[in-house]
Amino acid sequence: ILGSLREMAFIAKAEVATWPLFGMLAKLQRTVFI
């Protein structure tokens, strides 16, 4: 929802990077993993 409104990047927990498909999508939108 937020990503559809404006150009922005997200801060996500590190586990998201390992999720099937969604981890790849998060990396491609330049997410910072913490």
PDB file of all heavy atoms in Angstrom:
ATOM      1  N   ILE A   1       0.830  -1.208   0.000  1.00  0.00           N
ATOM      2  CA  ILE A   1       0.000   0.000   0.000  1.00  0.00           C
ATOM      3  C   ILE A   1       0.865   1.258   0.000  1.00  0.00           C
ATOM      4  O   ILE A   1       0.682   2.157  -0.829  1.00  0.00           O
ATOM      5  CB  ILE A   1      -0.948  -0.019   1.216  1.00  0.00           C
ATOM      6  CG1 ILE A   1      -2.023  -1.084   1.002  1.00  0.00           C
ATOM      7  CG2 ILE A   1      -1.591   1.345   1.438  1.00  0.00           C
ATOM      8  CD1 ILE A   1      -2.767  -1.463   2.250  1.00  0.00           C
ATOM      9  N   LEU A   2       1.833   1.335   0.918  1.00  0.00           N
ATOM     10  CA  LEU A   2       2.689   2.514   0.960  1.00  0.00           C
ATOM     11  C   LEU A   2       3.539   2.625  -0.307  1.00  0.00           C
ATOM     12  O   LEU A   2       3.711   3.713  -0.870  1.00  0.00           O
ATOM     13  CB  LEU A   2       3.593   2.462   2.193  1.00  0.00           C
ATOM     14  CG  LEU A   2       2.924   2.657   3.551  1.00  0.00           C
ATOM     15  CD1 LEU A   2       3.955   2.548   4.664  1.00  0.00           C
ATOM     16  CD2 LEU A   2       2.202   3.996   3.630  1.00  0.00           C
ATOM     17  N   GLY A   3       4.051   1.500  -0.759  1.00  0.00           N
ATOM     18  CA  GLY A   3       4.894   1.506  -1.948  1.00  0.00           C
ATOM     19  C   GLY A   3       4.162   1.908  -3.209  1.00  0.00           C
ATOM     20  O   GLY A   3       4.792   2.338  -4.184  1.00  0.00           O
ATOM     21  N   SER A   4       2.844   1.789  -3.200  1.00  0.00           N
ATOM     22  CA  SER A   4       2.056   2.172  -4.376  1.00  0.00           C
ATOM     23  C   SER A   4       1.796   3.673  -4.432  1.00  0.00           C
ATOM     24  O   SER A   4       1.376   4.192  -5.467  1.00  0.00           O
ATOM     25  CB  SER A   4       0.712   1.433  -4.377  1.00  0.00           C
ATOM     26  OG  SER A   4      -0.156   1.931  -3.365  1.00  0.00           O
ATOM     27  N   LEU A   5       2.042   4.373  -3.324  1.00  0.00           N
ATOM     28  CA  LEU A   5       1.697   5.795  -3.241  1.00  0.00           C
ATOM     29  C   LEU A   5       2.827   6.710  -3.683  1.00  0.00           C
ATOM     30  O   LEU A   5       2.595   7.693  -4.388  1.00  0.00           O
ATOM     31  CB  LEU A   5       1.291   6.143  -1.807  1.00  0.00           C
ATOM     32  CG  LEU A   5       0.037   5.453  -1.282  1.00  0.00           C
ATOM     33  CD1 LEU A   5      -0.159   5.791   0.198  1.00  0.00           C
ATOM     34  CD2 LEU A   5      -1.187   5.852  -2.085  1.00  0.00           C
ATOM     35  N   ARG A   6       4.039   6.400  -3.246  1.00  0.00           N
ATOM     36  CA  ARG A   6       5.177   7.261  -3.539  1.00  0.00           C
ATOM     37  C   ARG A   6       6.438   6.399  -3.673  1.00  0.00           C
ATOM     38  O   ARG A   6       6.466   5.252  -3.244  1.00  0.00           O
ATOM     39  CB  ARG A   6       5.399   8.294  -2.419  1.00  0.00           C
ATOM     40  CG  ARG A   6       4.246   9.245  -2.195  1.00  0.00           C
ATOM     41  CD  ARG A   6       4.089  10.261  -3.312  1.00  0.00           C
ATOM     42  NE  ARG A   6       3.038  11.219  -3.018  1.00  0.00           N
ATOM     43  CZ  ARG A   6       1.753  11.051  -3.316  1.00  0.00           C
ATOM     44  NH1 ARG A   6       1.357   9.928  -3.908  1.00  0.00           N
ATOM     45  NH2 ARG A   6       0.871  11.983  -3.017  1.00  0.00           N
ATOM     46  N   GLU A   7       7.480   6.978  -4.224  1.00  0.00           N
ATOM     47  CA  GLU A   7       8.760   6.282  -4.289  1.00  0.00           C
ATOM     48  C   GLU A   7       9.394   6.317  -2.906  1.00  0.00           C
ATOM     49  O   GLU A   7       9.646   7.391  -2.354  1.00  0.00           O
ATOM     50  CB  GLU A   7       9.669   6.950  -5.317  1.00  0.00           C
ATOM     51  CG  GLU A   7       9.143   6.832  -6.744  1.00  0.00           C
ATOM     52  CD  GLU A   7      10.005   7.580  -7.748  1.00  0.00           C
ATOM     53  OE1 GLU A   7      10.981   8.225  -7.303  1.00  0.00           O
ATOM     54  OE2 GLU A   7       9.709   7.533  -8.943  1.00  0.00           O
ATOM     55  N   MET A   8       9.644   5.135  -2.332  1.00  0.00           N
ATOM     56  CA  MET A   8      10.217   5.039  -0.997  1.00  0.00           C
ATOM     57  C   MET A   8      10.883   3.691  -0.841  1.00  0.00           C
ATOM     58  O   MET A   8      10.657   2.764  -1.633  1.00  0.00           O
ATOM     59  CB  MET A   8       9.140   5.239   0.077  1.00  0.00           C
ATOM     60  CG  MET A   8       7.993   4.258  -0.012  1.00  0.00           C
ATOM     61  SD  MET A   8       6.679   4.569   1.237  1.00  0.00           S
ATOM     62  CE  MET A   8       5.956   6.100   0.670  1.00  0.00           C
ATOM     63  N   ALA A   9      11.725   3.564   0.172  1.00  0.00           N
ATOM     64  CA  ALA A   9      12.382   2.299   0.480  1.00  0.00           C
ATOM     65  C   ALA A   9      12.031   1.904   1.911  1.00  0.00           C
ATOM     66  O   ALA A   9      11.642   2.751   2.725  1.00  0.00           O
ATOM     67  CB  ALA A   9      13.891   2.422   0.303  1.00  0.00           C
ATOM     68  N   PHE A  10      12.194   0.622   2.220  1.00  0.00           N
ATOM     69  CA  PHE A  10      11.727   0.096   3.497  1.00  0.00           C
ATOM     70  C   PHE A  10      12.866  -0.472   4.335  1.00  0.00           C
ATOM     71  O   PHE A  10      13.904  -0.889   3.810  1.00  0.00           O
ATOM     72  CB  PHE A  10      10.678  -0.985   3.255  1.00  0.00           C
ATOM     73  CG  PHE A  10       9.421  -0.472   2.606  1.00  0.00           C
ATOM     74  CD1 PHE A  10       9.326  -0.386   1.223  1.00  0.00           C
ATOM     75  CD2 PHE A  10       8.346  -0.035   3.364  1.00  0.00           C
ATOM     76  CE1 PHE A  10       8.181   0.107   0.608  1.00  0.00           C
ATOM     77  CE2 PHE A  10       7.202   0.460   2.766  1.00  0.00           C
ATOM     78  CZ  PHE A  10       7.129   0.526   1.379  1.00  0.00           C
ATOM     79  N   ILE A  11      12.634  -0.468   5.640  1.00  0.00           N
ATOM     80  CA  ILE A  11      13.536  -1.093   6.595  1.00  0.00           C
ATOM     81  C   ILE A  11      12.815  -2.331   7.113  1.00  0.00           C
ATOM     82  O   ILE A  11      11.695  -2.243   7.628  1.00  0.00           O
ATOM     83  CB  ILE A  11      13.857  -0.130   7.754  1.00  0.00           C
ATOM     84  CG1 ILE A  11      14.490   1.162   7.211  1.00  0.00           C
ATOM     85  CG2 ILE A  11      14.778  -0.793   8.772  1.00  0.00           C
ATOM     86  CD1 ILE A  11      14.524   2.301   8.231  1.00  0.00           C
ATOM     87  N   ALA A  12      13.442  -3.517   6.959  1.00  0.00           N
ATOM     88  CA  ALA A  12      12.770  -4.769   7.317  1.00  0.00           C
ATOM     89  C   ALA A  12      13.686  -5.630   8.171  1.00  0.00           C
ATOM     90  O   ALA A  12      14.919  -5.485   8.134  1.00  0.00           O
ATOM     91  CB  ALA A  12      12.356  -5.521   6.057  1.00  0.00           C
ATOM     92  N   LYS A  13      13.091  -6.545   8.903  1.00  0.00           N
ATOM     93  CA  LYS A  13      13.887  -7.475   9.705  1.00  0.00           C
ATOM     94  C   LYS A  13      14.659  -8.417   8.783  1.00  0.00           C
ATOM     95  O   LYS A  13      14.225  -8.719   7.658  1.00  0.00           O
ATOM     96  CB  LYS A  13      12.989  -8.258  10.656  1.00  0.00           C
ATOM     97  CG  LYS A  13      11.896  -9.077   9.993  1.00  0.00           C
ATOM     98  CD  LYS A  13      11.016  -9.742  11.035  1.00  0.00           C
ATOM     99  CE  LYS A  13       9.907 -10.579  10.370  1.00  0.00           C
ATOM    100  NZ  LYS A  13       9.030 -11.213  11.376  1.00  0.00           N
ATOM    101  N   ALA A  14      15.798  -8.884   9.256  1.00  0.00           N
ATOM    102  CA  ALA A  14      16.716  -9.651   8.426  1.00  0.00           C
ATOM    103  C   ALA A  14      16.093 -10.930   7.879  1.00  0.00           C
ATOM    104  O   ALA A  14      16.435 -11.367   6.775  1.00  0.00           O
ATOM    105  CB  ALA A  14      17.976  -9.981   9.230  1.00  0.00           C
ATOM    106  N   GLU A  15      15.162 -11.536   8.621  1.00  0.00           N
ATOM    107  CA  GLU A  15      14.558 -12.797   8.173  1.00  0.00           C
ATOM    108  C   GLU A  15      13.828 -12.654   6.842  1.00  0.00           C
ATOM    109  O   GLU A  15      13.700 -13.613   6.081  1.00  0.00           O
ATOM    110  CB  GLU A  15      13.559 -13.313   9.217  1.00  0.00           C
ATOM    111  CG  GLU A  15      14.153 -13.525  10.596  1.00  0.00           C
ATOM    112  CD  GLU A  15      13.968 -12.299  11.476  1.00  0.00           C
ATOM    113  OE1 GLU A  15      14.803 -11.384  11.359  1.00  0.00           O
ATOM    114  OE2 GLU A  15      13.002 -12.270  12.262  1.00  0.00           O
ATOM    115  N   VAL A  16      13.328 -11.441   6.566  1.00  0.00           N
ATOM    116  CA  VAL A  16      12.577 -11.233   5.326  1.00  0.00           C
ATOM    117  C   VAL A  16      13.442 -11.561   4.115  1.00  0.00           C
ATOM    118  O   VAL A  16      12.949 -12.081   3.107  1.00  0.00           O
ATOM    119  CB  VAL A  16      12.067  -9.775   5.247  1.00  0.00           C
ATOM    120  CG1 VAL A  16      11.423  -9.492   3.889  1.00  0.00           C
ATOM    121  CG2 VAL A  16      11.065  -9.509   6.362  1.00  0.00           C
ATOM    122  N   ALA A  17      14.732 -11.307   4.211  1.00  0.00           N
ATOM    123  CA  ALA A  17      15.637 -11.549   3.085  1.00  0.00           C
ATOM    124  C   ALA A  17      15.698 -13.024   2.713  1.00  0.00           C
ATOM    125  O   ALA A  17      16.039 -13.374   1.575  1.00  0.00           O
ATOM    126  CB  ALA A  17      17.032 -11.031   3.411  1.00  0.00           C
ATOM    127  N   THR A  18      15.352 -13.912   3.649  1.00  0.00           N
ATOM    128  CA  THR A  18      15.428 -15.360   3.391  1.00  0.00           C
ATOM    129  C   THR A  18      14.097 -15.946   2.927  1.00  0.00           C
ATOM    130  O   THR A  18      14.045 -17.126   2.574  1.00  0.00           O
ATOM    131  CB  THR A  18      15.879 -16.106   4.659  1.00  0.00           C
ATOM    132  OG1 THR A  18      14.867 -15.984   5.690  1.00  0.00           O
ATOM    133  CG2 THR A  18      17.181 -15.530   5.193  1.00  0.00           C
ATOM    134  N   TRP A  19      13.045 -15.163   2.933  1.00  0.00           N
ATOM    135  CA  TRP A  19      11.741 -15.693   2.533  1.00  0.00           C
ATOM    136  C   TRP A  19      11.713 -16.017   1.044  1.00  0.00           C
ATOM    137  O   TRP A  19      12.253 -15.260   0.224  1.00  0.00           O
ATOM    138  CB  TRP A  19      10.636 -14.684   2.838  1.00  0.00           C
ATOM    139  CG  TRP A  19      10.370 -14.457   4.289  1.00  0.00           C
ATOM    140  CD1 TRP A  19      10.938 -15.101   5.350  1.00  0.00           C
ATOM    141  CD2 TRP A  19       9.486 -13.488   4.848  1.00  0.00           C
ATOM    142  NE1 TRP A  19      10.468 -14.597   6.526  1.00  0.00           N
ATOM    143  CE2 TRP A  19       9.572 -13.607   6.248  1.00  0.00           C
ATOM    144  CE3 TRP A  19       8.644 -12.529   4.294  1.00  0.00           C
ATOM    145  CZ2 TRP A  19       8.830 -12.811   7.105  1.00  0.00           C
ATOM    146  CZ3 TRP A  19       7.901 -11.729   5.145  1.00  0.00           C
ATOM    147  CH2 TRP A  19       7.990 -11.872   6.526  1.00  0.00           C
ATOM    148  N   PRO A  20      11.067 -17.135   0.673  1.00  0.00           N
ATOM    149  CA  PRO A  20      10.918 -17.438  -0.751  1.00  0.00           C
ATOM    150  C   PRO A  20      10.123 -16.329  -1.453  1.00  0.00           C
ATOM    151  O   PRO A  20       9.130 -15.842  -0.923  1.00  0.00           O
ATOM    152  CB  PRO A  20      10.123 -18.762  -0.746  1.00  0.00           C
ATOM    153  CG  PRO A  20      10.365 -19.346   0.606  1.00  0.00           C
ATOM    154  CD  PRO A  20      10.503 -18.178   1.537  1.00  0.00           C
ATOM    155  N   LEU A  21      10.529 -15.933  -2.606  1.00  0.00           N
ATOM    156  CA  LEU A  21       9.906 -14.937  -3.464  1.00  0.00           C
ATOM    157  C   LEU A  21       9.883 -13.547  -2.829  1.00  0.00           C
ATOM    158  O   LEU A  21      10.429 -12.594  -3.372  1.00  0.00           O
ATOM    159  CB  LEU A  21       8.473 -15.341  -3.846  1.00  0.00           C
ATOM    160  CG  LEU A  21       7.725 -14.353  -4.764  1.00  0.00           C
ATOM    161  CD1 LEU A  21       8.450 -14.165  -6.077  1.00  0.00           C
ATOM    162  CD2 LEU A  21       6.291 -14.806  -4.989  1.00  0.00           C
ATOM    163  N   PHE A  22       9.261 -13.409  -1.644  1.00  0.00           N
ATOM    164  CA  PHE A  22       9.120 -12.095  -1.027  1.00  0.00           C
ATOM    165  C   PHE A  22      10.477 -11.531  -0.599  1.00  0.00           C
ATOM    166  O   PHE A  22      10.675 -10.317  -0.607  1.00  0.00           O
ATOM    167  CB  PHE A  22       8.149 -12.159   0.157  1.00  0.00           C
ATOM    168  CG  PHE A  22       6.718 -12.244  -0.273  1.00  0.00           C
ATOM    169  CD1 PHE A  22       6.132 -13.472  -0.535  1.00  0.00           C
ATOM    170  CD2 PHE A  22       5.945 -11.105  -0.446  1.00  0.00           C
ATOM    171  CE1 PHE A  22       4.808 -13.563  -0.953  1.00  0.00           C
ATOM    172  CE2 PHE A  22       4.630 -11.176  -0.861  1.00  0.00           C
ATOM    173  CZ  PHE A  22       4.057 -12.408  -1.120  1.00  0.00           C
ATOM    174  N   GLY A  23      11.415 -12.408  -0.230  1.00  0.00           N
ATOM    175  CA  GLY A  23      12.753 -11.951   0.089  1.00  0.00           C
ATOM    176  C   GLY A  23      13.444 -11.363  -1.136  1.00  0.00           C
ATOM    177  O   GLY A  23      14.093 -10.326  -1.064  1.00  0.00           O
ATOM    178  N   MET A  24      13.258 -12.037  -2.282  1.00  0.00           N
ATOM    179  CA  MET A  24      13.829 -11.533  -3.524  1.00  0.00           C
ATOM    180  C   MET A  24      13.205 -10.199  -3.907  1.00  0.00           C
ATOM    181  O   MET A  24      13.908  -9.259  -4.310  1.00  0.00           O
ATOM    182  CB  MET A  24      13.599 -12.540  -4.649  1.00  0.00           C
ATOM    183  CG  MET A  24      14.081 -12.072  -6.016  1.00  0.00           C
ATOM    184  SD  MET A  24      13.571 -13.168  -7.347  1.00  0.00           S
ATOM    185  CE  MET A  24      11.776 -12.900  -7.333  1.00  0.00           C
ATOM    186  N   LEU A  25      11.890 -10.091  -3.775  1.00  0.00           N
ATOM    187  CA  LEU A  25      11.210  -8.843  -4.107  1.00  0.00           C
ATOM    188  C   LEU A  25      11.686  -7.705  -3.206  1.00  0.00           C
ATOM    189  O   LEU A  25      11.869  -6.572  -3.658  1.00  0.00           O
ATOM    190  CB  LEU A  25       9.695  -9.021  -3.983  1.00  0.00           C
ATOM    191  CG  LEU A  25       9.038  -9.993  -4.969  1.00  0.00           C
ATOM    192  CD1 LEU A  25       7.549 -10.152  -4.657  1.00  0.00           C
ATOM    193  CD2 LEU A  25       9.234  -9.533  -6.403  1.00  0.00           C
ATOM    194  N   ALA A  26      11.889  -8.016  -1.921  1.00  0.00           N
ATOM    195  CA  ALA A  26      12.359  -6.993  -0.982  1.00  0.00           C
ATOM    196  C   ALA A  26      13.750  -6.496  -1.373  1.00  0.00           C
ATOM    197  O   ALA A  26      14.034  -5.293  -1.319  1.00  0.00           O
ATOM    198  CB  ALA A  26      12.375  -7.551   0.439  1.00  0.00           C
ATOM    199  N   LYS A  27      14.617  -7.403  -1.782  1.00  0.00           N
ATOM    200  CA  LYS A  27      15.967  -7.003  -2.194  1.00  0.00           C
ATOM    201  C   LYS A  27      15.924  -6.131  -3.441  1.00  0.00           C
ATOM    202  O   LYS A  27      16.673  -5.151  -3.556  1.00  0.00           O
ATOM    203  CB  LYS A  27      16.812  -8.246  -2.455  1.00  0.00           C
ATOM    204  CG  LYS A  27      17.136  -9.055  -1.211  1.00  0.00           C
ATOM    205  CD  LYS A  27      17.843 -10.342  -1.565  1.00  0.00           C
ATOM    206  CE  LYS A  27      18.078 -11.202  -0.321  1.00  0.00           C
ATOM    207  NZ  LYS A  27      18.709 -12.500  -0.660  1.00  0.00           N
ATOM    208  N   LEU A  28      15.043  -6.474  -4.374  1.00  0.00           N
ATOM    209  CA  LEU A  28      14.962  -5.727  -5.623  1.00  0.00           C
ATOM    210  C   LEU A  28      14.396  -4.318  -5.433  1.00  0.00           C
ATOM    211  O   LEU A  28      14.572  -3.460  -6.301  1.00  0.00           O
ATOM    212  CB  LEU A  28      14.117  -6.498  -6.640  1.00  0.00           C
ATOM    213  CG  LEU A  28      14.765  -7.770  -7.209  1.00  0.00           C
ATOM    214  CD1 LEU A  28      13.799  -8.502  -8.119  1.00  0.00           C
ATOM    215  CD2 LEU A  28      16.062  -7.440  -7.950  1.00  0.00           C
ATOM    216  N   GLN A  29      13.693  -4.098  -4.314  1.00  0.00           N
ATOM    217  CA  GLN A  29      13.201  -2.738  -4.081  1.00  0.00           C
ATOM    218  C   GLN A  29      14.098  -1.995  -3.090  1.00  0.00           C
ATOM    219  O   GLN A  29      13.709  -1.003  -2.507  1.00  0.00           O
ATOM    220  CB  GLN A  29      11.759  -2.755  -3.599  1.00  0.00           C
ATOM    221  CG  GLN A  29      11.533  -3.323  -2.215  1.00  0.00           C
ATOM    222  CD  GLN A  29      10.074  -3.233  -1.817  1.00  0.00           C
ATOM    223  OE1 GLN A  29       9.181  -3.467  -2.619  1.00  0.00           O
ATOM    224  NE2 GLN A  29       9.822  -2.875  -0.578  1.00  0.00           N
ATOM    225  N   ARG A  30      15.337  -2.501  -2.951  1.00  0.00           N
ATOM    226  CA  ARG A  30      16.388  -1.799  -2.215  1.00  0.00           C
ATOM    227  C   ARG A  30      16.078  -1.664  -0.725  1.00  0.00           C
ATOM    228  O   ARG A  30      16.346  -0.657  -0.094  1.00  0.00           O
ATOM    229  CB  ARG A  30      16.642  -0.431  -2.845  1.00  0.00           C
ATOM    230  CG  ARG A  30      16.992  -0.509  -4.314  1.00  0.00           C
ATOM    231  CD  ARG A  30      16.934   0.832  -5.031  1.00  0.00           C
ATOM    232  NE  ARG A  30      17.881   1.766  -4.478  1.00  0.00           N
ATOM    233  CZ  ARG A  30      17.522   2.929  -3.939  1.00  0.00           C
ATOM    234  NH1 ARG A  30      16.250   3.278  -3.871  1.00  0.00           N
ATOM    235  NH2 ARG A  30      18.427   3.750  -3.483  1.00  0.00           N
ATOM    236  N   THR A  31      15.520  -2.728  -0.159  1.00  0.00           N
ATOM    237  CA  THR A  31      15.204  -2.760   1.269  1.00  0.00           C
ATOM    238  C   THR A  31      16.484  -2.835   2.102  1.00  0.00           C
ATOM    239  O   THR A  31      17.455  -3.493   1.714  1.00  0.00           O
ATOM    240  CB  THR A  31      14.310  -3.977   1.583  1.00  0.00           C
ATOM    241  OG1 THR A  31      13.070  -3.848   0.879  1.00  0.00           O
ATOM    242  CG2 THR A  31      14.033  -4.109   3.071  1.00  0.00           C
ATOM    243  N   VAL A  32      16.484  -2.168   3.244  1.00  0.00           N
ATOM    244  CA  VAL A  32      17.574  -2.287   4.214  1.00  0.00           C
ATOM    245  C   VAL A  32      17.156  -3.318   5.255  1.00  0.00           C
ATOM    246  O   VAL A  32      16.110  -3.170   5.904  1.00  0.00           O
ATOM    247  CB  VAL A  32      17.865  -0.939   4.907  1.00  0.00           C
ATOM    248  CG1 VAL A  32      18.891  -1.123   6.022  1.00  0.00           C
ATOM    249  CG2 VAL A  32      18.374   0.076   3.890  1.00  0.00           C
ATOM    250  N   PHE A  33      17.954  -4.371   5.415  1.00  0.00           N
ATOM    251  CA  PHE A  33      17.620  -5.441   6.356  1.00  0.00           C
ATOM    252  C   PHE A  33      18.390  -5.244   7.656  1.00  0.00           C
ATOM    253  O   PHE A  33      19.592  -4.947   7.647  1.00  0.00           O
ATOM    254  CB  PHE A  33      17.965  -6.805   5.751  1.00  0.00           C
ATOM    255  CG  PHE A  33      17.208  -7.106   4.489  1.00  0.00           C
ATOM    256  CD1 PHE A  33      17.815  -6.976   3.257  1.00  0.00           C
ATOM    257  CD2 PHE A  33      15.882  -7.497   4.542  1.00  0.00           C
ATOM    258  CE1 PHE A  33      17.122  -7.240   2.086  1.00  0.00           C
ATOM    259  CE2 PHE A  33      15.173  -7.763   3.381  1.00  0.00           C
ATOM    260  CZ  PHE A  33      15.782  -7.636   2.151  1.00  0.00           C
ATOM    261  N   ILE A  34      17.693  -5.417   8.765  1.00  0.00           N
ATOM    262  CA  ILE A  34      18.312  -5.185  10.073  1.00  0.00           C
ATOM    263  C   ILE A  34      18.072  -6.375  10.994  1.00  0.00           C
ATOM    264  O   ILE A  34      17.098  -7.112  10.846  1.00  0.00           O
ATOM    265  CB  ILE A  34      17.755  -3.906  10.741  1.00  0.00           C
ATOM    266  CG1 ILE A  34      16.238  -4.028  10.925  1.00  0.00           C
ATOM    267  CG2 ILE A  34      18.110  -2.671   9.935  1.00  0.00           C
ATOM    268  CD1 ILE A  34      15.656  -2.938  11.765  1.00  0.00           C
TER     269      ILE A  34
END
